[in-house]
Amino acid sequence: METADHIERVRQDGYTILANVIEDSLIDALVESLSDIEDTLRGTQGLDAPEGGRTVRIHNLLSHGVPFDQVPIHPEVLPVVEGVLDRGCLVSSMSFIAIDPGERAEPIHTDDQVIPLDKPHRPILLDCVWALSDFTPGNGATRVVKGSHKLPNPEYGVTYETISAEMPRGSVLIMDGGLWHGAGAHRLGGGRRRLALGMNYCAGFIRQQESQLLGVSPALVRTFPPRLQEMVGWGVYRGQFGQVDRQSPAHALNAGRKFKPIWDR
């Protein structure tokens, strides 16, 4: 499928799968780094296990720099994201989700249901689930309800008929933030986890889930490519939103970058 086809599928079905698009070397680097971070955080509040005690989550991954700085701007994924939202989209959050054997299914929900907007509405959030291991119906693959982004929010805790987003390691599931979804139950033994990286974006006019301006130090942001600096929040949306004294925040970050507000153009 071409980029335009994936964009259209997200608009119509609420989701699409980019199969085998992430290089093995990056997946390996992510898994190794996440293992090291988990070992460091074990037993601290930085290691979050809210779903039955068998799902581990680690948040604010961009603050760890390499190799996570490659994720938001990956060339196989970002064009689809920009096509669904727009080029002013921001990094909303990046987290690690590891589902261990024995975990129950996550309740069906949407990621934008706390935002007070009537549905259907234009896409404002986009969830990209990176498969760091194979996703199968038995190991907790994400379950989706096709076309549900056009419906009102689901009732939390109710069981719905779903489709398992089965995909091989190195693939990416892209979902409209209004799509009904939830992680599946991990029913397989053998001790193998279902590993995922949740890379979430939001439209430039929506507040980010994780405050990137506070969560990622300016010193680290200076090492990022200019496009990623904008997506973290050191930019101005459509020439108006996010400026400081008629300057882009990037002026303070990179001393001297030029910016002209929309009404001066």
Protein backbone atom coordinates (compact mmCIF):
# COMPACT_ATOMS: atom_id res chain seq x y z
CA MET A 1 0.00 0.00 0.00
CA GLU A 2 1.08 3.56 -0.72
CA THR A 3 1.09 6.32 1.87
CA ALA A 4 -2.14 7.77 0.44
CA ASP A 5 -3.83 4.38 0.78
CA HIS A 6 -2.88 4.12 4.46
CA ILE A 7 -4.13 7.66 5.10
CA GLU A 8 -7.45 6.83 3.48
CA ARG A 9 -7.77 3.59 5.41
CA VAL A 10 -7.28 5.44 8.71
CA ARG A 11 -9.97 7.91 7.67
CA GLN A 12 -12.44 5.20 6.64
CA ASP A 13 -11.70 2.29 8.99
CA GLY A 14 -10.01 4.14 11.83
CA TYR A 15 -6.77 2.18 11.54
CA THR A 16 -4.17 0.70 9.22
CA ILE A 17 -1.11 -1.56 9.58
CA LEU A 18 2.28 -0.76 8.07
CA ALA A 19 3.75 -4.24 7.78
CA ASN A 20 7.50 -4.87 8.21
CA VAL A 21 8.51 -1.21 7.85
CA ILE A 22 10.90 -0.80 10.81
CA GLU A 23 14.45 -2.03 10.30
CA ASP A 24 15.65 -4.89 12.51
CA SER A 25 18.63 -2.88 13.77
CA LEU A 26 16.35 -0.18 15.22
CA ILE A 27 13.99 -2.71 16.80
CA ASP A 28 16.97 -4.48 18.38
CA ALA A 29 18.34 -1.18 19.71
CA LEU A 30 14.97 -0.20 21.18
CA VAL A 31 14.46 -3.56 22.88
CA GLU A 32 17.99 -3.49 24.36
CA SER A 33 17.58 0.09 25.64
CA LEU A 34 14.15 -0.65 27.10
CA SER A 35 15.52 -3.69 28.92
CA ASP A 36 18.25 -1.55 30.48
CA ILE A 37 15.76 1.16 31.50
CA GLU A 38 13.39 -1.41 33.02
CA ASP A 39 16.22 -2.92 35.06
CA THR A 40 17.16 0.54 36.31
CA LEU A 41 13.57 1.49 37.22
CA ARG A 42 12.54 -1.83 38.76
CA GLY A 43 10.99 -1.23 42.16
CA THR A 44 10.51 2.50 41.60
CA GLN A 45 7.52 4.68 40.71
CA GLY A 46 8.94 5.03 37.22
CA LEU A 47 7.83 1.48 36.46
CA ASP A 48 4.06 1.43 36.04
CA ALA A 49 2.03 -1.81 36.15
CA PRO A 50 -1.65 -0.84 36.46
CA GLU A 51 -3.41 -3.53 34.41
CA GLY A 52 -3.65 -6.56 36.68
CA GLY A 53 0.02 -6.35 37.60
CA ARG A 54 1.13 -8.14 34.43
CA THR A 55 1.55 -5.17 32.11
CA VAL A 56 4.65 -3.02 32.49
CA ARG A 57 4.64 0.56 31.19
CA ILE A 58 7.54 2.99 31.02
CA HIS A 59 6.73 6.59 30.09
CA ASN A 60 8.55 9.67 28.73
CA LEU A 61 10.93 7.62 26.60
CA LEU A 62 12.06 10.54 24.47
CA SER A 63 13.89 11.90 27.54
CA HIS A 64 16.31 8.96 27.16
CA GLY A 65 17.57 10.23 23.78
CA VAL A 66 19.12 7.62 21.47
CA PRO A 67 17.61 5.45 20.00
CA PHE A 68 14.16 6.82 20.90
CA ASP A 69 14.79 10.05 18.99
CA GLN A 70 14.49 8.05 15.76
CA VAL A 71 10.93 6.94 16.51
CA PRO A 72 8.72 10.06 16.08
CA ILE A 73 10.24 11.04 12.73
CA HIS A 74 10.65 7.58 11.19
CA PRO A 75 10.33 8.07 7.41
CA GLU A 76 7.97 5.12 6.94
CA VAL A 77 5.53 6.30 9.60
CA LEU A 78 5.60 10.10 9.83
CA PRO A 79 4.18 10.77 6.31
CA VAL A 80 1.04 8.82 7.22
CA VAL A 81 0.74 10.68 10.52
CA GLU A 82 1.14 14.07 8.82
CA GLY A 83 -1.38 13.05 6.17
CA VAL A 84 -4.03 12.22 8.77
CA LEU A 85 -3.34 15.13 11.15
CA ASP A 86 -1.19 17.78 9.49
CA ARG A 87 2.45 18.85 9.43
CA GLY A 88 1.89 20.83 12.63
CA CYS A 89 1.38 17.61 14.64
CA LEU A 90 3.18 17.16 17.94
CA VAL A 91 4.67 14.31 19.94
CA SER A 92 2.00 13.59 22.54
CA SER A 93 3.65 10.67 24.37
CA MET A 94 6.00 7.74 23.90
CA SER A 95 5.83 4.72 26.19
CA PHE A 96 6.84 1.09 26.48
CA ILE A 97 4.09 -1.51 26.97
CA ALA A 98 5.13 -5.07 27.86
CA ILE A 99 2.34 -7.63 28.41
CA ASP A 100 3.36 -10.72 30.36
CA PRO A 101 1.64 -14.13 30.15
CA GLY A 102 -1.52 -14.34 32.22
CA GLU A 103 -2.60 -10.73 31.69
CA ARG A 104 -6.32 -10.21 31.09
CA ALA A 105 -7.75 -8.19 28.22
CA GLU A 106 -7.73 -4.43 28.57
CA PRO A 107 -11.21 -2.82 28.55
CA ILE A 108 -12.23 -1.38 25.19
CA HIS A 109 -11.78 2.39 25.18
CA THR A 110 -10.71 5.35 23.06
CA ASP A 111 -7.77 7.62 23.71
CA ASP A 112 -9.72 10.82 23.09
CA GLN A 113 -12.84 10.06 25.13
CA VAL A 114 -11.87 12.46 27.93
CA ILE A 115 -11.79 15.34 25.42
CA PRO A 116 -15.19 17.12 25.39
CA LEU A 117 -15.90 17.03 21.65
CA ASP A 118 -18.97 15.54 20.01
CA LYS A 119 -18.31 12.64 17.65
CA PRO A 120 -17.59 12.12 14.89
CA HIS A 121 -14.95 14.82 14.58
CA ARG A 122 -11.76 15.32 12.60
CA PRO A 123 -8.72 13.31 13.83
CA ILE A 124 -7.01 15.03 16.74
CA LEU A 125 -4.96 12.13 18.14
CA LEU A 126 -3.11 9.34 16.37
CA ASP A 127 -1.80 6.23 18.11
CA CYS A 128 1.09 4.34 16.53
CA VAL A 129 1.76 0.96 18.12
CA TRP A 130 5.19 -0.35 17.18
CA ALA A 131 5.42 -4.14 17.34
CA LEU A 132 8.71 -4.92 19.08
CA SER A 133 7.67 -8.57 19.02
CA ASP A 134 5.10 -10.47 16.97
CA PHE A 135 1.49 -9.53 17.72
CA THR A 136 -0.81 -12.57 17.75
CA PRO A 137 -4.38 -13.17 18.95
CA GLY A 138 -2.99 -15.28 21.79
CA ASN A 139 -0.29 -12.98 23.17
CA GLY A 140 -2.22 -9.75 23.65
CA ALA A 141 -2.35 -8.19 20.19
CA THR A 142 -4.33 -4.94 20.15
CA ARG A 143 -8.04 -5.46 19.47
CA VAL A 144 -9.92 -2.87 17.39
CA VAL A 145 -13.51 -2.17 16.35
CA LYS A 146 -13.41 -1.23 12.69
CA GLY A 147 -15.04 2.10 11.87
CA SER A 148 -15.81 2.88 15.51
CA HIS A 149 -14.00 6.25 15.35
CA LYS A 150 -17.20 7.53 13.74
CA LEU A 151 -19.34 6.42 16.71
CA PRO A 152 -19.90 7.82 20.22
CA ASN A 153 -17.51 6.57 22.91
CA PRO A 154 -17.85 2.95 24.10
CA GLU A 155 -19.17 2.14 27.55
CA TYR A 156 -16.12 1.32 29.64
CA GLY A 157 -16.04 -2.28 30.86
CA VAL A 158 -18.53 -3.62 28.30
CA THR A 159 -17.47 -6.47 25.99
CA TYR A 160 -17.55 -5.71 22.26
CA GLU A 161 -16.87 -7.73 19.11
CA THR A 162 -13.34 -6.89 17.97
CA ILE A 163 -10.70 -7.64 15.35
CA SER A 164 -7.23 -8.71 16.46
CA ALA A 165 -4.54 -6.49 14.90
CA GLU A 166 -2.17 -9.34 14.16
CA MET A 167 1.19 -8.21 12.78
CA PRO A 168 4.84 -9.31 12.70
CA ARG A 169 7.69 -7.71 14.61
CA GLY A 170 8.76 -4.46 12.96
CA SER A 171 5.24 -3.46 11.92
CA VAL A 172 3.25 -0.43 13.06
CA LEU A 173 -0.48 -0.21 13.83
CA ILE A 174 -1.75 3.35 13.26
CA MET A 175 -5.10 4.21 14.87
CA ASP A 176 -7.30 7.28 15.01
CA GLY A 177 -7.46 8.36 18.66
CA GLY A 178 -11.23 7.91 18.54
CA LEU A 179 -11.06 4.24 17.53
CA TRP A 180 -12.43 1.73 20.03
CA HIS A 181 -9.54 -0.53 21.02
CA GLY A 182 -7.78 -2.37 23.82
CA ALA A 183 -4.92 -4.78 24.35
CA GLY A 184 -5.89 -8.43 24.22
CA ALA A 185 -5.41 -11.09 26.87
CA HIS A 186 -2.05 -12.89 26.96
CA ARG A 187 -3.09 -16.55 27.05
CA LEU A 188 0.18 -18.15 25.97
CA GLY A 189 2.69 -19.74 28.30
CA GLY A 190 6.41 -19.97 27.87
CA GLY A 191 7.24 -16.66 29.47
CA ARG A 192 7.37 -14.66 26.23
CA ARG A 193 6.15 -11.10 26.53
CA ARG A 194 4.27 -9.06 23.97
CA LEU A 195 6.48 -5.99 23.50
CA ALA A 196 5.26 -2.71 22.07
CA LEU A 197 6.20 0.92 21.87
CA GLY A 198 3.31 3.38 21.95
CA MET A 199 4.18 6.44 19.85
CA ASN A 200 1.29 8.88 20.11
CA TYR A 201 0.85 12.13 18.22
CA CYS A 202 -1.64 14.97 18.58
CA ALA A 203 -2.74 17.84 16.38
CA GLY A 204 -0.82 21.05 17.01
CA PHE A 205 -3.82 22.67 18.68
CA ILE A 206 -4.31 19.85 21.23
CA ARG A 207 -2.54 19.64 24.59
CA GLN A 208 0.05 16.85 24.71
CA GLN A 209 -0.48 13.82 26.95
CA GLU A 210 3.06 14.13 28.31
CA SER A 211 4.52 17.64 28.71
CA GLN A 212 7.47 17.33 26.36
CA LEU A 213 8.76 20.82 27.21
CA LEU A 214 9.24 19.74 30.83
CA GLY A 215 9.91 16.05 30.26
CA VAL A 216 12.78 16.44 27.77
CA SER A 217 15.62 18.78 28.73
CA PRO A 218 16.47 21.68 26.37
CA ALA A 219 20.06 20.43 26.26
CA LEU A 220 18.87 17.11 24.85
CA VAL A 221 16.38 18.77 22.48
CA ARG A 222 19.24 20.79 20.97
CA THR A 223 20.71 17.49 19.73
CA PHE A 224 17.47 16.57 17.92
CA PRO A 225 16.89 17.24 14.20
CA PRO A 226 14.91 20.49 13.60
CA ARG A 227 11.76 18.55 12.65
CA LEU A 228 11.77 16.64 15.94
CA GLN A 229 12.41 19.88 17.86
CA GLU A 230 9.20 21.27 16.35
CA MET A 231 7.27 18.12 17.18
CA VAL A 232 8.39 18.19 20.81
CA GLY A 233 6.85 21.66 21.06
CA TRP A 234 9.67 24.08 20.28
CA GLY A 235 7.81 25.53 17.32
CA VAL A 236 4.73 27.54 16.39
CA TYR A 237 1.52 26.00 15.06
CA ARG A 238 0.32 27.69 11.84
CA GLY A 239 2.35 30.78 12.57
CA GLN A 240 0.32 31.75 15.64
CA PHE A 241 -0.02 29.27 18.50
CA GLY A 242 2.95 28.71 20.80
CA GLN A 243 4.98 31.87 20.18
CA VAL A 244 6.73 33.86 22.90
CA ASP A 245 7.05 37.66 22.49
CA ARG A 246 6.44 37.22 18.76
CA GLN A 247 9.27 34.72 18.51
CA SER A 248 9.29 30.96 18.04
CA PRO A 249 10.44 29.02 21.13
CA ALA A 250 13.14 27.66 18.82
CA HIS A 251 14.69 31.15 18.96
CA ALA A 252 15.47 30.62 22.63
CA LEU A 253 16.57 27.04 22.00
CA ASN A 254 18.81 27.68 18.99
CA ALA A 255 19.56 31.43 19.32
CA GLY A 256 18.76 33.19 16.11
CA ARG A 257 16.34 31.01 14.17
CA LYS A 258 14.05 33.39 12.26
CA PHE A 259 10.29 33.41 12.71
CA LYS A 260 7.55 35.64 11.32
CA PRO A 261 4.06 35.51 12.92
CA ILE A 262 1.21 34.71 10.57
CA TRP A 263 -0.25 38.24 10.66
CA ASP A 264 3.12 39.71 9.62
CA ARG A 265 3.33 37.54 6.52
